[in-house]
């Protein structure tokens, strides 16, 4: 017996692998500081947890509608109307086991074998593997530090072919923190309509933006664009609910219906208790988001300033999410020796930093961005300072 070619084509997540290695070292008694995490280090707000407890006590512990309870769909609709200036009806909303499942369902619903999916680099690690699982083909569009890691409409149009089915647009971006402005989105949106291309708008970090940045939803630009867009979002990042596994998607009714079919034959409904808690997350007090965002902002400013003080490192100040994405190509060009070998790539540099400084971070190669590292500041300021000092000391 052998496993399928489909599974053989999929690579394991480097981010999860490095996080697991860091946890293993911690269990061995090592004082590892992790900049690898893709989740807030804050607790889920009290009012949300209390709603979950109430749901348990009330016996809300059975199957729900496959695509989510109507109360949560209505909460999502209200949120999208208020925050994103776009209106949907319940049949255009699906609740899933995290935003990752929404993305997975959407790709399987929209893509036929050999369809092409336009994917800006650097990109979140699961995009390519899910595209391949859907038997579609990722077409990379490189973005660059000098352009704040944002792609232009011209770049998109150059990559469009007769096989192009979909564009994935992640703003605020993981790993770069890039946030697209309204005028940039308008130009890209025109191409969606002109060439009849769908867009997945991954907006999971929308509440975590800084300085003068504003979040805009591409689906809000016009009804024509809305008809070509699938919004992906969830409660994980904004409400520190990564373990609750609730994501949602909004889009054309036929696509949402198709996503529901896939979900019905895979996981069925999302967790009933987590759905009730998520209603409170979206409808309840929102002050905790701003409290968390302000704390992230302080860490962001410190991390970027400190990284730029390290010789051979340059780092843009991210406009969103909770990651710094420093360029370490000069360090790799200069050469760092470890165990008698010269380190020439970001994976080996990340491994060196983990083993010698006991600081976990993610190599840029995981995001199709060799020469970079991703550092999460979703950890305490104390750990941010200590971890960066350790990195600076071994890179001197």
Protein backbone atom coordinates (compact mmCIF):
# COMPACT_ATOMS: atom_id res chain seq x y z
CA UNK A 1 0.00 0.00 0.00
CA UNK A 2 1.22 3.48 -0.83
CA UNK A 3 -0.30 6.87 -0.14
CA UNK A 4 -1.89 8.81 -2.97
CA UNK A 5 0.01 11.04 -5.36
CA UNK A 6 -2.24 13.87 -4.23
CA UNK A 7 -0.92 13.61 -0.67
CA UNK A 8 2.65 13.06 -1.84
CA UNK A 9 2.50 16.41 -3.66
CA UNK A 10 1.64 18.30 -0.47
CA UNK A 11 4.41 19.61 1.75
CA UNK A 12 4.06 19.76 5.54
CA UNK A 13 3.79 23.19 7.15
CA UNK A 14 7.22 24.59 8.04
CA UNK A 15 5.63 26.96 10.54
CA UNK A 16 3.99 24.11 12.44
CA UNK A 17 7.17 22.03 12.26
CA UNK A 18 9.32 24.79 13.75
CA UNK A 19 6.73 25.56 16.42
CA UNK A 20 6.71 21.86 17.35
CA UNK A 21 10.52 21.83 17.55
CA UNK A 22 10.46 24.87 19.84
CA UNK A 23 7.90 23.19 22.11
CA UNK A 24 10.05 20.05 22.23
CA UNK A 25 13.06 22.10 23.32
CA UNK A 26 10.96 23.79 26.01
CA UNK A 27 9.89 20.39 27.35
CA UNK A 28 13.57 19.50 27.56
CA UNK A 29 14.06 22.45 29.89
CA UNK A 30 15.52 24.94 27.43
CA UNK A 31 14.45 28.58 27.73
CA UNK A 32 13.20 28.96 24.18
CA UNK A 33 11.63 32.23 23.10
CA UNK A 34 9.21 31.77 20.24
CA UNK A 35 8.72 34.33 17.49
CA UNK A 36 7.13 31.57 15.41
CA UNK A 37 3.57 31.79 16.70
CA UNK A 38 0.73 32.71 14.38
CA UNK A 39 -1.71 33.46 17.16
CA UNK A 40 -2.28 36.24 19.71
CA UNK A 41 -0.73 35.68 23.13
CA UNK A 42 -3.82 37.17 24.79
CA UNK A 43 -6.64 35.22 26.40
CA UNK A 44 -10.08 35.00 24.82
CA UNK A 45 -12.17 37.85 26.32
CA UNK A 46 -14.25 36.97 29.38
CA UNK A 47 -17.64 37.78 27.85
CA UNK A 48 -16.99 35.32 25.01
CA UNK A 49 -15.97 32.52 27.36
CA UNK A 50 -19.03 33.14 29.51
CA UNK A 51 -21.28 32.76 26.46
CA UNK A 52 -19.67 29.38 25.73
CA UNK A 53 -20.23 28.26 29.32
CA UNK A 54 -23.87 29.34 29.08
CA UNK A 55 -24.28 27.35 25.86
CA UNK A 56 -22.98 24.22 27.59
CA UNK A 57 -25.27 24.71 30.57
CA UNK A 58 -28.23 25.22 28.24
CA UNK A 59 -27.45 21.96 26.46
CA UNK A 60 -26.47 23.52 23.14
CA UNK A 61 -24.21 20.56 22.47
CA UNK A 62 -25.66 18.82 19.43
CA UNK A 63 -25.49 19.11 15.65
CA UNK A 64 -26.35 22.47 14.14
CA UNK A 65 -27.16 23.44 10.59
CA UNK A 66 -24.28 22.24 8.42
CA UNK A 67 -23.33 25.76 7.31
CA UNK A 68 -23.70 27.38 10.73
CA UNK A 69 -26.42 28.67 13.04
CA UNK A 70 -28.55 31.53 11.77
CA UNK A 71 -27.63 33.75 14.75
CA UNK A 72 -23.98 33.60 13.78
CA UNK A 73 -24.69 34.16 10.11
CA UNK A 74 -26.71 37.24 11.05
CA UNK A 75 -23.87 38.46 13.26
CA UNK A 76 -21.47 38.05 10.33
CA UNK A 77 -23.87 39.90 8.02
CA UNK A 78 -24.11 42.75 10.53
CA UNK A 79 -20.35 42.90 10.91
CA UNK A 80 -19.74 42.97 7.15
CA UNK A 81 -22.33 45.71 6.65
CA UNK A 82 -21.00 47.87 9.50
CA UNK A 83 -17.26 47.36 9.12
CA UNK A 84 -16.83 46.54 5.45
CA UNK A 85 -19.72 48.35 3.76
CA UNK A 86 -20.94 45.27 1.92
CA UNK A 87 -24.29 43.50 2.30
CA UNK A 88 -25.09 39.79 2.19
CA UNK A 89 -28.01 37.49 2.93
CA UNK A 90 -27.80 34.27 5.00
CA UNK A 91 -27.56 32.00 1.93
CA UNK A 92 -24.35 33.86 0.99
CA UNK A 93 -22.64 33.06 4.32
CA UNK A 94 -21.03 29.85 5.55
CA UNK A 95 -19.51 29.17 8.97
CA UNK A 96 -16.64 26.68 9.01
CA UNK A 97 -14.04 25.13 11.29
CA UNK A 98 -11.69 28.08 10.98
CA UNK A 99 -10.85 30.40 8.10
CA UNK A 100 -8.48 27.72 6.80
CA UNK A 101 -11.41 25.38 6.12
CA UNK A 102 -13.28 28.22 4.41
CA UNK A 103 -10.32 28.69 2.08
CA UNK A 104 -10.06 24.93 1.47
CA UNK A 105 -13.78 24.66 0.68
CA UNK A 106 -13.63 27.69 -1.62
CA UNK A 107 -10.71 26.38 -3.66
CA UNK A 108 -12.34 22.97 -4.10
CA UNK A 109 -15.59 24.64 -5.13
CA UNK A 110 -14.17 27.10 -7.66
CA UNK A 111 -11.19 25.28 -9.19
CA UNK A 112 -11.13 22.56 -11.82
CA UNK A 113 -7.98 20.50 -12.47
CA UNK A 114 -5.30 22.61 -14.20
CA UNK A 115 -7.05 25.91 -13.45
CA UNK A 116 -4.54 28.60 -12.55
CA UNK A 117 -4.60 30.51 -9.27
CA UNK A 118 -2.67 33.79 -9.11
CA UNK A 119 -0.75 33.98 -5.85
CA UNK A 120 1.37 36.95 -4.77
CA UNK A 121 4.61 36.11 -3.00
CA UNK A 122 5.47 36.09 -0.15
CA UNK A 123 2.41 34.06 0.82
CA UNK A 124 0.97 32.19 3.77
CA UNK A 125 2.23 28.61 3.67
CA UNK A 126 -1.10 26.81 3.28
CA UNK A 127 -2.17 28.61 0.09
CA UNK A 128 0.05 26.61 -2.25
CA UNK A 129 -0.67 23.27 -0.65
CA UNK A 130 -4.43 23.80 -0.75
CA UNK A 131 -4.22 24.94 -4.38
CA UNK A 132 -2.34 21.74 -5.23
CA UNK A 133 -4.86 19.64 -3.30
CA UNK A 134 -7.58 21.18 -5.47
CA UNK A 135 -5.49 20.02 -8.48
CA UNK A 136 -5.09 23.61 -9.60
CA UNK A 137 -1.80 25.33 -10.46
CA UNK A 138 -0.32 28.18 -8.41
CA UNK A 139 1.02 31.02 -10.55
CA UNK A 140 3.36 33.15 -8.48
CA UNK A 141 3.50 36.93 -8.74
CA UNK A 142 6.55 38.25 -6.93
CA UNK A 143 6.28 41.34 -4.77
CA UNK A 144 9.29 43.23 -3.46
CA UNK A 145 10.44 45.11 -0.40
CA UNK A 146 10.86 48.34 -2.38
CA UNK A 147 7.15 48.16 -3.28
CA UNK A 148 6.12 47.43 0.32
CA UNK A 149 5.43 43.82 -0.77
CA UNK A 150 2.30 44.81 -2.71
CA UNK A 151 1.50 43.67 -6.22
CA UNK A 152 0.28 46.04 -8.91
CA UNK A 153 -2.57 45.61 -11.36
CA UNK A 154 0.04 45.56 -14.14
CA UNK A 155 1.75 42.55 -12.56
CA UNK A 156 -1.58 40.76 -12.22
CA UNK A 157 -2.56 41.38 -15.84
CA UNK A 158 0.79 40.09 -17.10
CA UNK A 159 0.11 36.71 -15.45
CA UNK A 160 -3.48 36.27 -16.62
CA UNK A 161 -4.02 33.46 -19.13
CA UNK A 162 -6.95 31.54 -20.57
CA UNK A 163 -6.62 29.15 -17.60
CA UNK A 164 -6.73 31.80 -14.88
CA UNK A 165 -9.62 31.15 -12.49
CA UNK A 166 -8.76 32.90 -9.27
CA UNK A 167 -6.62 35.51 -7.49
CA UNK A 168 -5.80 35.20 -3.79
CA UNK A 169 -5.40 38.56 -2.09
CA UNK A 170 -4.36 38.57 1.58
CA UNK A 171 -4.60 41.99 3.24
CA UNK A 172 -3.33 42.61 5.87
CA UNK A 173 -0.73 40.16 4.72
CA UNK A 174 0.95 37.24 6.44
CA UNK A 175 3.99 37.31 6.47
CA UNK A 176 4.78 40.86 5.30
CA UNK A 177 2.15 42.97 7.06
CA UNK A 178 1.31 44.73 3.78
CA UNK A 179 -2.09 46.46 3.61
CA UNK A 180 -3.62 47.41 0.26
CA UNK A 181 -5.02 50.90 -0.24
CA UNK A 182 -8.37 51.61 -1.89
CA UNK A 183 -6.89 52.86 -5.17
CA UNK A 184 -4.69 49.77 -5.46
CA UNK A 185 -7.71 47.52 -4.95
CA UNK A 186 -9.78 49.41 -7.51
CA UNK A 187 -7.23 48.75 -10.25
CA UNK A 188 -7.03 45.06 -9.38
CA UNK A 189 -10.82 44.82 -9.16
CA UNK A 190 -11.19 46.11 -12.71
CA UNK A 191 -9.21 43.09 -13.90
CA UNK A 192 -11.50 40.66 -12.06
CA UNK A 193 -14.46 41.97 -14.01
CA UNK A 194 -12.60 42.39 -17.32
CA UNK A 195 -11.20 38.85 -17.37
CA UNK A 196 -13.96 37.07 -15.40
CA UNK A 197 -11.67 36.03 -12.55
CA UNK A 198 -12.69 35.21 -8.98
CA UNK A 199 -10.90 36.70 -6.00
CA UNK A 200 -10.46 35.18 -2.56
CA UNK A 201 -10.02 38.06 -0.14
CA UNK A 202 -8.33 36.70 2.99
CA UNK A 203 -9.04 39.35 5.63
CA UNK A 204 -8.32 37.43 8.83
CA UNK A 205 -5.98 40.15 10.19
CA UNK A 206 -8.25 43.10 9.29
CA UNK A 207 -8.56 44.46 12.85
CA UNK A 208 -4.81 44.50 13.43
CA UNK A 209 -3.62 47.54 11.47
CA UNK A 210 -1.32 50.39 12.49
CA UNK A 211 -0.35 54.00 11.87
CA UNK A 212 -2.34 55.49 8.98
CA UNK A 213 -3.30 52.17 7.40
CA UNK A 214 -6.96 51.47 6.61
CA UNK A 215 -8.53 48.15 5.74
CA UNK A 216 -10.72 47.97 2.64
CA UNK A 217 -12.73 45.01 1.39
CA UNK A 218 -12.44 44.54 -2.36
CA UNK A 219 -16.02 43.21 -2.53
CA UNK A 220 -17.32 46.60 -1.37
CA UNK A 221 -16.20 48.36 -4.56
CA UNK A 222 -19.19 47.40 -6.72
CA UNK A 223 -21.82 44.72 -7.20
CA UNK A 224 -19.83 43.41 -10.18
CA UNK A 225 -16.74 42.96 -8.03
CA UNK A 226 -18.78 41.51 -5.16
CA UNK A 227 -20.09 38.84 -7.54
CA UNK A 228 -16.49 37.76 -8.22
CA UNK A 229 -15.28 37.83 -4.59
CA UNK A 230 -15.23 35.32 -1.74
CA UNK A 231 -14.40 37.00 1.57
CA UNK A 232 -12.59 34.80 4.07
CA UNK A 233 -12.45 35.86 7.72
CA UNK A 234 -12.95 34.55 11.24
CA UNK A 235 -12.68 35.24 14.94
CA UNK A 236 -9.26 33.68 15.55
CA UNK A 237 -6.92 36.66 15.31
CA UNK A 238 -9.15 39.59 16.32
CA UNK A 239 -10.62 37.93 19.41
CA UNK A 240 -7.73 35.62 20.41
CA UNK A 241 -9.86 32.56 19.58
CA UNK A 242 -7.49 30.46 17.47
CA UNK A 243 -8.39 27.25 19.31
CA UNK A 244 -12.14 27.77 18.98
CA UNK A 245 -11.92 27.10 15.22
CA UNK A 246 -14.56 29.40 13.78
CA UNK A 247 -14.13 31.02 10.39
CA UNK A 248 -16.63 32.37 7.91
CA UNK A 249 -16.92 33.08 4.22
CA UNK A 250 -19.19 35.41 2.28
CA UNK A 251 -19.71 35.19 -1.45
CA UNK A 252 -22.01 34.36 -4.36
CA UNK A 253 -24.79 32.00 -3.31
CA UNK A 254 -23.84 29.23 -5.74
CA UNK A 255 -20.26 29.16 -4.46
CA UNK A 256 -21.31 29.24 -0.81
CA UNK A 257 -23.75 26.41 -1.53
CA UNK A 258 -20.95 24.39 -3.11
CA UNK A 259 -18.73 25.02 -0.11
CA UNK A 260 -21.56 23.73 2.06
CA UNK A 261 -21.70 20.48 0.09
CA UNK A 262 -18.00 19.86 0.69
CA UNK A 263 -18.35 20.70 4.37
CA UNK A 264 -21.38 18.45 4.70
CA UNK A 265 -19.38 15.45 3.51
CA UNK A 266 -16.21 16.24 5.47
CA UNK A 267 -16.60 17.85 8.89
CA UNK A 268 -20.30 18.74 8.97
CA UNK A 269 -21.15 21.72 11.17
CA UNK A 270 -18.60 23.71 13.17
CA UNK A 271 -18.53 23.26 16.95
CA UNK A 272 -21.91 24.30 18.37
CA UNK A 273 -20.51 25.91 21.53
CA UNK A 274 -17.84 27.85 19.64
CA UNK A 275 -20.53 29.17 17.29
CA UNK A 276 -22.51 30.61 20.22
CA UNK A 277 -19.33 32.17 21.61
CA UNK A 278 -18.58 33.69 18.21
CA UNK A 279 -21.98 35.40 18.13
CA UNK A 280 -20.95 37.18 21.31
CA UNK A 281 -17.52 37.96 19.84
CA UNK A 282 -19.06 39.76 16.87
CA UNK A 283 -22.01 41.36 18.67
CA UNK A 284 -20.53 42.02 22.10
CA UNK A 285 -18.07 44.61 23.40
CA UNK A 286 -15.21 45.29 21.00
CA UNK A 287 -12.86 47.22 23.29
CA UNK A 288 -10.56 44.25 23.81
CA UNK A 289 -9.56 44.34 20.13
CA UNK A 290 -8.18 47.85 20.50
CA UNK A 291 -6.41 46.97 23.74
CA UNK A 292 -4.69 44.07 22.01
CA UNK A 293 -3.92 46.12 18.91
CA UNK A 294 -2.25 48.87 20.96
CA UNK A 295 -0.04 46.33 22.71
CA UNK A 296 0.92 44.74 19.39
CA UNK A 297 1.74 48.21 18.06
CA UNK A 298 4.23 48.88 20.86
CA UNK A 299 5.95 45.55 20.27
CA UNK A 300 5.95 46.14 16.50
CA UNK A 301 7.71 49.48 16.84
CA UNK A 302 10.34 48.08 19.19
CA UNK A 303 10.98 44.96 17.10
CA UNK A 304 11.40 46.81 13.82
CA UNK A 305 13.68 49.45 15.34
CA UNK A 306 15.84 46.79 17.00
CA UNK A 307 16.05 44.63 13.87
CA UNK A 308 17.21 47.60 11.82
CA UNK A 309 20.03 48.14 14.33
CA UNK A 310 21.47 44.68 13.60
CA UNK A 311 24.20 44.86 10.98
CA UNK A 312 23.12 43.28 7.71
CA UNK A 313 19.39 43.41 8.51
CA UNK A 314 16.77 45.72 7.00
CA UNK A 315 13.12 45.61 7.98
CA UNK A 316 10.09 47.52 6.77
CA UNK A 317 7.57 48.59 9.38
CA UNK A 318 4.53 46.33 8.79
CA UNK A 319 1.17 48.07 8.39
CA UNK A 320 -0.88 45.14 9.68
CA UNK A 321 -0.99 41.66 11.27
CA UNK A 322 1.62 40.83 13.95
CA UNK A 323 4.77 39.88 12.06
CA UNK A 324 8.04 41.56 11.18
CA UNK A 325 9.65 40.38 7.94
CA UNK A 326 13.32 41.39 7.94
CA UNK A 327 15.62 41.07 4.95
CA UNK A 328 18.71 39.07 5.99
CA UNK A 329 20.21 38.56 2.53
CA UNK A 330 23.33 40.57 3.43
CA UNK A 331 23.99 38.28 6.39
CA UNK A 332 23.65 35.25 4.13
CA UNK A 333 25.94 36.83 1.54
CA UNK A 334 28.55 37.58 4.19
CA UNK A 335 28.31 34.03 5.47
CA UNK A 336 27.74 32.66 8.94
CA UNK A 337 29.48 29.41 9.85
CA UNK A 338 27.76 26.76 11.94
CA UNK A 339 29.12 23.26 12.63
CA UNK A 340 31.81 23.87 10.05
CA UNK A 341 29.33 24.75 7.32
CA UNK A 342 28.55 28.13 5.79
CA UNK A 343 24.92 29.16 6.18
CA UNK A 344 23.61 30.26 2.80
CA UNK A 345 19.82 30.13 3.12
CA UNK A 346 17.08 31.30 5.44
CA UNK A 347 16.11 27.81 6.63
CA UNK A 348 19.62 27.07 7.87
CA UNK A 349 19.84 30.54 9.43
CA UNK A 350 16.56 29.97 11.29
CA UNK A 351 17.85 26.57 12.45
CA UNK A 352 21.10 28.18 13.63
CA UNK A 353 19.20 30.84 15.58
CA UNK A 354 16.94 28.22 17.17
CA UNK A 355 19.76 25.95 18.27
CA UNK A 356 22.31 28.58 19.29
CA UNK A 357 20.14 31.46 20.55
CA UNK A 358 17.13 29.32 21.48
CA UNK A 359 14.84 31.66 19.56
CA UNK A 360 12.26 30.17 17.19
CA UNK A 361 11.33 32.02 14.00
CA UNK A 362 10.25 31.10 10.49
CA UNK A 363 12.53 31.12 7.42
CA UNK A 364 11.43 33.20 4.45
CA UNK A 365 11.69 30.14 2.22
CA UNK A 366 8.48 28.88 3.84
CA UNK A 367 6.73 31.84 2.19
CA UNK A 368 8.57 31.69 -1.16
CA UNK A 369 10.80 34.54 0.03
CA UNK A 370 14.39 33.38 0.36
CA UNK A 371 16.61 35.86 2.18
CA UNK A 372 13.99 36.83 4.75
CA UNK A 373 12.84 35.72 8.19
CA UNK A 374 9.42 36.04 9.81
CA UNK A 375 9.27 37.06 13.45
CA UNK A 376 5.96 37.21 15.30
CA UNK A 377 5.54 39.84 17.99
CA UNK A 378 2.55 37.97 19.39
CA UNK A 379 4.51 37.41 22.58
CA UNK A 380 5.34 39.52 25.62
CA UNK A 381 7.46 42.67 25.33
CA UNK A 382 9.88 41.03 27.76
CA UNK A 383 10.34 38.11 25.36
CA UNK A 384 10.56 40.46 22.36
CA UNK A 385 13.47 42.32 23.99
CA UNK A 386 15.26 39.22 25.24
CA UNK A 387 14.81 37.29 21.99
CA UNK A 388 16.11 40.13 19.83
CA UNK A 389 19.12 40.59 22.12
CA UNK A 390 19.95 36.90 21.72
CA UNK A 391 19.66 37.13 17.93
CA UNK A 392 21.85 40.23 17.81
CA UNK A 393 24.52 38.59 19.95
CA UNK A 394 24.94 35.50 17.75
CA UNK A 395 24.88 37.50 14.50
CA UNK A 396 27.65 39.90 15.52
